[in-house]
């Protein structure tokens, strides 16, 4: 398998959420090319079924997509925070529940061609009602989607962000 070797890198932008670097890369046959690399912290995303056959999701406007997206709850890991801790924090912030049980479903790279972001996927069950604690909860609509409708919503494009599709398909594959 051919591999690229990063020879050098320089940061050209550093913002609140991302850092953009320009890397000089040597390809396996000696050719030198430039790669743009977006550095982003790792994240979590959780599939959250309730006791009534629904999956709790969130609808929010996403500026880069230019529209509202229906997504599984997700968020960026803070310094020193484990993925499990992040799941608990994000679920309380976004949907107002704390899970009693968290099971790892794997993970996905958001856009490995140019971005370092890795998304840890989880199944969160045994929900205990809490309170939404995020500052922007008025911009998040909590939506309960019948689990039996999820595959059709993915097929139709109604659920279309990569982390949600990956997490939900993994969840559906576990169903008896």
Protein backbone atom coordinates (compact mmCIF):
# COMPACT_ATOMS: atom_id res chain seq x y z
CA UNK A 1 0.00 0.00 0.00
CA UNK A 2 1.35 3.43 -0.89
CA UNK A 3 1.70 5.98 1.86
CA UNK A 4 2.19 9.70 1.90
CA UNK A 5 4.79 11.20 4.22
CA UNK A 6 4.19 14.63 5.74
CA UNK A 7 7.43 16.59 5.22
CA UNK A 8 6.36 19.93 6.67
CA UNK A 9 3.31 21.82 7.78
CA UNK A 10 2.47 25.43 8.49
CA UNK A 11 -0.64 26.86 10.11
CA UNK A 12 -2.41 29.45 7.95
CA UNK A 13 -5.53 29.93 10.09
CA UNK A 14 -6.48 29.18 13.66
CA UNK A 15 -10.06 29.77 14.75
CA UNK A 16 -12.27 28.82 17.65
CA UNK A 17 -13.20 25.41 16.23
CA UNK A 18 -10.66 24.58 13.52
CA UNK A 19 -7.06 25.09 12.50
CA UNK A 20 -6.08 25.03 8.83
CA UNK A 21 -2.60 23.89 7.90
CA UNK A 22 -0.86 23.55 4.57
CA UNK A 23 1.22 20.41 4.44
CA UNK A 24 3.95 19.43 2.04
CA UNK A 25 3.63 15.72 1.41
CA UNK A 26 5.88 13.24 -0.35
CA UNK A 27 3.94 10.55 -2.20
CA UNK A 28 5.19 6.95 -2.39
CA UNK A 29 6.92 7.48 -5.75
CA UNK A 30 8.74 10.63 -4.61
CA UNK A 31 6.37 13.26 -5.99
CA UNK A 32 5.80 16.26 -3.69
CA UNK A 33 2.27 17.61 -3.33
CA UNK A 34 0.44 20.11 -1.14
CA UNK A 35 -2.37 19.01 1.21
CA UNK A 36 -4.77 21.28 3.06
CA UNK A 37 -5.47 19.86 6.52
CA UNK A 38 -8.32 20.97 8.76
CA UNK A 39 -7.56 20.11 12.37
CA UNK A 40 -10.67 19.63 14.52
CA UNK A 41 -11.15 18.08 17.94
CA UNK A 42 -12.68 14.64 18.20
CA UNK A 43 -16.44 14.47 18.74
CA UNK A 44 -19.16 12.15 19.95
CA UNK A 45 -22.54 11.31 18.48
CA UNK A 46 -25.17 9.20 20.21
CA UNK A 47 -28.18 7.20 19.11
CA UNK A 48 -30.73 7.67 21.90
CA UNK A 49 -33.75 5.33 21.82
CA UNK A 50 -36.55 5.95 24.29
CA UNK A 51 -38.85 3.33 25.84
CA UNK A 52 -41.62 3.97 23.29
CA UNK A 53 -39.87 2.79 20.11
CA UNK A 54 -38.57 6.22 19.14
CA UNK A 55 -35.10 7.63 18.64
CA UNK A 56 -34.53 11.06 20.15
CA UNK A 57 -32.96 13.40 17.60
CA UNK A 58 -32.38 17.12 17.25
CA UNK A 59 -33.28 19.50 14.45
CA UNK A 60 -31.12 22.57 14.07
CA UNK A 61 -30.12 25.04 11.40
CA UNK A 62 -26.63 24.40 10.02
CA UNK A 63 -25.12 27.45 8.30
CA UNK A 64 -22.68 25.50 6.05
CA UNK A 65 -25.54 23.28 4.80
CA UNK A 66 -27.88 26.27 4.56
CA UNK A 67 -30.81 24.38 6.09
CA UNK A 68 -32.24 22.61 9.11
CA UNK A 69 -30.84 19.12 9.59
CA UNK A 70 -32.28 16.26 11.62
CA UNK A 71 -29.37 14.73 13.52
CA UNK A 72 -28.51 12.44 16.38
CA UNK A 73 -27.23 14.42 19.40
CA UNK A 74 -23.52 15.18 19.07
CA UNK A 75 -20.80 17.46 20.29
CA UNK A 76 -17.13 18.29 20.55
CA UNK A 77 -15.00 16.72 23.27
CA UNK A 78 -13.44 19.19 25.71
CA UNK A 79 -9.81 19.05 26.87
CA UNK A 80 -9.29 16.06 29.15
CA UNK A 81 -12.84 14.79 28.64
CA UNK A 82 -13.40 11.11 27.81
CA UNK A 83 -15.85 10.16 25.07
CA UNK A 84 -18.23 8.69 27.70
CA UNK A 85 -18.15 11.91 29.74
CA UNK A 86 -18.81 13.91 26.59
CA UNK A 87 -21.85 11.76 25.74
CA UNK A 88 -23.35 12.45 29.17
CA UNK A 89 -22.67 16.18 28.95
CA UNK A 90 -23.97 16.55 25.40
CA UNK A 91 -27.18 14.61 26.05
CA UNK A 92 -27.96 16.75 29.06
CA UNK A 93 -27.18 19.92 27.09
CA UNK A 94 -29.06 19.04 23.90
CA UNK A 95 -32.00 16.82 24.87
CA UNK A 96 -32.35 17.11 28.65
CA UNK A 97 -31.64 13.47 29.54
CA UNK A 98 -28.82 11.55 31.17
CA UNK A 99 -28.22 7.94 30.07
CA UNK A 100 -27.81 5.11 32.55
CA UNK A 101 -25.96 3.00 29.97
CA UNK A 102 -23.57 3.95 27.17
CA UNK A 103 -22.37 1.39 24.61
CA UNK A 104 -19.73 2.16 21.99
CA UNK A 105 -20.90 1.59 18.39
CA UNK A 106 -17.55 2.36 16.75
CA UNK A 107 -16.61 5.58 15.04
CA UNK A 108 -16.08 7.40 11.78
CA UNK A 109 -13.82 10.08 10.36
CA UNK A 110 -15.91 13.10 9.34
CA UNK A 111 -13.96 13.88 6.15
CA UNK A 112 -10.62 12.01 6.13
CA UNK A 113 -9.47 13.51 2.84
CA UNK A 114 -8.81 16.84 4.54
CA UNK A 115 -9.95 16.78 8.19
CA UNK A 116 -8.63 15.13 11.39
CA UNK A 117 -12.06 15.01 13.13
CA UNK A 118 -12.98 11.54 14.43
CA UNK A 119 -16.52 10.94 15.69
CA UNK A 120 -17.02 8.34 18.42
CA UNK A 121 -20.45 6.72 17.99
CA UNK A 122 -22.50 5.51 20.95
CA UNK A 123 -25.82 4.00 21.92
CA UNK A 124 -27.24 5.70 25.02
CA UNK A 125 -30.09 3.99 26.89
CA UNK A 126 -31.84 4.02 30.25
CA UNK A 127 -32.74 7.68 30.04
CA UNK A 128 -33.21 9.72 33.18
CA UNK A 129 -34.93 13.06 32.68
CA UNK A 130 -32.70 16.01 33.49
CA UNK A 131 -32.72 19.53 32.16
CA UNK A 132 -31.30 21.10 29.05
CA UNK A 133 -28.32 23.17 30.13
CA UNK A 134 -26.86 24.54 26.90
CA UNK A 135 -26.99 28.26 26.25
CA UNK A 136 -28.46 27.79 22.76
CA UNK A 137 -31.25 25.31 23.57
CA UNK A 138 -33.81 27.64 21.98
CA UNK A 139 -32.15 26.88 18.63
CA UNK A 140 -32.44 23.09 19.08
CA UNK A 141 -35.72 21.27 18.49
CA UNK A 142 -35.88 17.85 20.15
CA UNK A 143 -37.66 15.40 17.82
CA UNK A 144 -38.78 11.84 18.57
CA UNK A 145 -38.60 9.72 15.44
CA UNK A 146 -40.23 6.28 15.33
CA UNK A 147 -37.37 3.80 14.89
CA UNK A 148 -39.33 1.99 12.16
CA UNK A 149 -39.24 5.17 10.01
CA UNK A 150 -35.48 5.80 10.22
CA UNK A 151 -34.38 3.66 7.25
CA UNK A 152 -36.91 5.37 4.99
CA UNK A 153 -35.85 8.81 6.21
CA UNK A 154 -32.22 7.98 5.40
CA UNK A 155 -33.22 6.64 1.95
CA UNK A 156 -35.25 9.78 1.20
CA UNK A 157 -32.46 12.13 2.34
CA UNK A 158 -34.47 13.56 5.23
CA UNK A 159 -31.68 12.32 7.51
CA UNK A 160 -28.54 13.21 5.58
CA UNK A 161 -25.59 14.07 7.77
CA UNK A 162 -22.84 11.45 7.84
CA UNK A 163 -22.59 10.91 11.62
CA UNK A 164 -26.33 10.41 11.96
CA UNK A 165 -26.55 8.04 8.99
CA UNK A 166 -23.58 6.00 10.28
CA UNK A 167 -24.83 5.85 13.87
CA UNK A 168 -28.43 5.08 12.93
CA UNK A 169 -27.51 2.37 10.42
CA UNK A 170 -25.26 0.74 13.02
CA UNK A 171 -28.14 0.92 15.54
CA UNK A 172 -30.60 -0.60 13.06
CA UNK A 173 -28.16 -3.42 12.32
CA UNK A 174 -28.23 -4.38 16.02
CA UNK A 175 -32.02 -4.72 16.14
CA UNK A 176 -33.27 -8.31 16.47
